[in-house]
Amino acid sequence: MLQSLQANRYSVPMWYHDYDGIYWADGRTLDVEGGDYQVIENVRVVDKASRRVRLRAIPKIADRSLNSTPGSIAAHETYFGKPLREMAISTQINGVEFPGEVKPPKDGDITITWTSSEAVQIYLVVRPYESAKEIGVSIELDTSLES
């Protein structure tokens, strides 16, 4: 029954017979099959980046420093990329290094395009780190006698 619900994209509990506790299977979203936002980890980091960039964009409305000159576009690509750079900072806890929430942005990941003399589009590429949902272990037995 649970496998059927899981196959139909419902959130279901799961457990391991030799490991204490009850856990939730993958956090499902309403994204279409094969879409980028099928798992909650991707939704969360993109939403966080979106909220932070939005707060940086609002004060730029009717601000003449954001204009169509190459210098302004380059400066504002850096300006709007700051939230992604902050989210990419790794953290060390008890001597263990943990990666940031996303991978650092690459050249071209933040793009500003003027669609008219009064409208601009800001495009960002967010690259989350992979998160293991399934772990397979393979063991090979070598019974040869080596001296």
Protein backbone atom coordinates (compact mmCIF):
# COMPACT_ATOMS: atom_id res chain seq x y z
CA MET A 1 0.00 0.00 0.00
CA LEU A 2 2.74 2.48 0.94
CA GLN A 3 4.67 1.70 -2.23
CA SER A 4 1.56 2.46 -4.27
CA LEU A 5 1.09 5.79 -2.50
CA GLN A 6 4.79 6.60 -2.96
CA ALA A 7 4.55 5.75 -6.68
CA ASN A 8 1.63 8.18 -6.93
CA ARG A 9 3.79 10.90 -5.32
CA TYR A 10 2.27 10.96 -1.84
CA SER A 11 4.44 11.56 1.22
CA VAL A 12 4.62 8.32 3.15
CA PRO A 13 6.36 7.12 6.33
CA MET A 14 9.22 4.65 6.05
CA TRP A 15 11.37 2.65 8.42
CA TYR A 16 14.29 0.27 8.43
CA HIS A 17 13.97 -3.01 10.32
CA ASP A 18 17.48 -2.80 11.75
CA TYR A 19 17.54 0.96 12.42
CA ASP A 20 15.41 2.65 15.11
CA GLY A 21 12.89 5.31 14.17
CA ILE A 22 10.24 6.17 11.63
CA TYR A 23 11.10 8.60 8.85
CA TRP A 24 9.33 10.37 6.02
CA ALA A 25 10.07 9.31 2.50
CA ASP A 26 11.19 12.07 0.14
CA GLY A 27 9.34 15.38 0.54
CA ARG A 28 7.07 15.51 -2.51
CA THR A 29 6.12 18.65 -4.36
CA LEU A 30 3.49 19.39 -6.98
CA ASP A 31 6.03 19.66 -9.81
CA VAL A 32 5.39 17.66 -12.96
CA GLU A 33 7.10 14.32 -13.46
CA GLY A 34 10.66 14.97 -14.60
CA GLY A 35 10.63 18.62 -13.41
CA ASP A 36 13.43 20.38 -11.52
CA TYR A 37 11.41 20.91 -8.35
CA GLN A 38 10.27 17.38 -7.51
CA VAL A 39 12.25 17.26 -4.27
CA ILE A 40 11.92 19.74 -1.44
CA GLU A 41 15.67 20.36 -1.18
CA ASN A 42 15.67 22.10 -4.58
CA VAL A 43 12.54 24.11 -3.81
CA ARG A 44 13.95 25.38 -0.51
CA VAL A 45 17.26 26.70 -1.86
CA VAL A 46 15.66 28.32 -4.93
CA ASP A 47 12.96 29.95 -2.76
CA LYS A 48 15.63 31.27 -0.40
CA ALA A 49 17.67 32.71 -3.29
CA SER A 50 14.50 34.20 -4.80
CA ARG A 51 13.50 35.93 -1.56
CA ARG A 52 16.98 37.40 -1.08
CA VAL A 53 17.31 38.64 -4.66
CA ARG A 54 13.80 40.14 -4.52
CA LEU A 55 14.80 42.20 -1.47
CA ARG A 56 17.79 43.50 -3.43
CA ALA A 57 15.69 44.22 -6.54
CA ILE A 58 12.90 46.27 -4.94
CA PRO A 59 15.09 49.27 -4.01
CA LYS A 60 16.49 49.30 -7.57
CA ILE A 61 13.09 50.17 -9.07
CA ALA A 62 13.47 53.65 -10.64
CA ASP A 63 17.05 53.83 -9.32
CA ARG A 64 19.13 55.36 -12.11
CA SER A 65 22.21 53.43 -11.00
CA LEU A 66 20.60 50.39 -12.65
CA ASN A 67 20.74 51.32 -16.32
CA SER A 68 21.55 49.75 -19.66
CA THR A 69 25.22 50.75 -19.77
CA PRO A 70 27.75 47.91 -19.75
CA GLY A 71 29.27 49.17 -16.50
CA SER A 72 25.92 49.25 -14.71
CA ILE A 73 24.98 45.80 -15.97
CA ALA A 74 28.31 44.33 -14.81
CA ALA A 75 28.04 46.01 -11.39
CA HIS A 76 24.48 44.83 -10.90
CA GLU A 77 25.24 41.27 -11.96
CA THR A 78 27.70 41.28 -9.05
CA TYR A 79 25.12 43.01 -6.81
CA PHE A 80 22.35 40.49 -7.56
CA GLY A 81 24.77 37.56 -7.30
CA LYS A 82 25.67 38.37 -3.69
CA PRO A 83 22.91 36.18 -2.17
CA LEU A 84 24.17 33.17 -4.17
CA ARG A 85 27.75 33.80 -3.09
CA GLU A 86 26.61 34.04 0.55
CA MET A 87 24.60 30.83 0.25
CA ALA A 88 27.69 29.09 -1.16
CA ILE A 89 29.86 29.75 1.91
CA SER A 90 30.86 26.54 3.65
CA THR A 91 30.69 26.12 7.43
CA GLN A 92 32.90 24.21 9.81
CA ILE A 93 31.29 22.52 12.83
CA ASN A 94 33.49 20.60 15.29
CA GLY A 95 36.23 20.40 12.69
CA VAL A 96 33.91 18.98 10.01
CA GLU A 97 33.52 21.03 6.83
CA PHE A 98 29.94 21.34 5.50
CA PRO A 99 29.33 22.79 2.04
CA GLY A 100 27.17 25.83 1.50
CA GLU A 101 23.53 25.53 0.53
CA VAL A 102 24.38 25.91 -3.17
CA LYS A 103 27.45 25.72 -5.37
CA PRO A 104 29.21 29.05 -5.99
CA PRO A 105 27.88 30.89 -9.05
CA LYS A 106 29.94 30.70 -12.24
CA ASP A 107 30.54 33.42 -14.81
CA GLY A 108 27.30 33.96 -16.69
CA ASP A 109 25.04 32.57 -13.93
CA ILE A 110 23.65 36.05 -13.24
CA THR A 111 22.38 37.79 -16.36
CA ILE A 112 20.57 41.10 -16.76
CA THR A 113 18.52 41.63 -19.92
CA TRP A 114 16.72 44.82 -20.87
CA THR A 115 13.35 43.94 -22.45
CA SER A 116 12.41 47.60 -23.05
CA SER A 117 13.68 51.04 -22.05
CA GLU A 118 11.87 50.68 -18.71
CA ALA A 119 11.86 46.93 -18.01
CA VAL A 120 14.65 44.61 -17.04
CA GLN A 121 14.81 40.86 -16.39
CA ILE A 122 17.31 39.33 -13.98
CA TYR A 123 18.14 35.66 -14.53
CA LEU A 124 19.97 33.53 -11.97
CA VAL A 125 21.23 29.96 -12.14
CA VAL A 126 21.13 28.16 -8.78
CA ARG A 127 23.08 24.90 -8.52
CA PRO A 128 22.25 22.85 -5.41
CA TYR A 129 24.55 20.11 -4.18
CA GLU A 130 23.49 16.55 -4.82
CA SER A 131 21.73 14.83 -1.93
CA ALA A 132 21.77 11.04 -1.69
CA LYS A 133 18.29 9.53 -1.76
CA GLU A 134 19.50 6.02 -2.32
CA ILE A 135 22.76 4.41 -1.25
CA GLY A 136 23.91 1.15 -2.78
CA VAL A 137 26.76 -0.87 -1.33
CA SER A 138 28.59 -3.50 -3.35
CA ILE A 139 30.93 -6.02 -1.75
CA GLU A 140 33.33 -8.25 -3.62
CA LEU A 141 34.67 -11.41 -2.05
CA ASP A 142 38.22 -12.44 -2.92
CA THR A 143 38.99 -15.98 -1.78
CA SER A 144 42.28 -16.31 -3.63
CA LEU A 145 45.27 -17.16 -1.52
CA GLU A 146 48.04 -14.65 -1.94
CA SER A 147 51.38 -15.09 -0.25
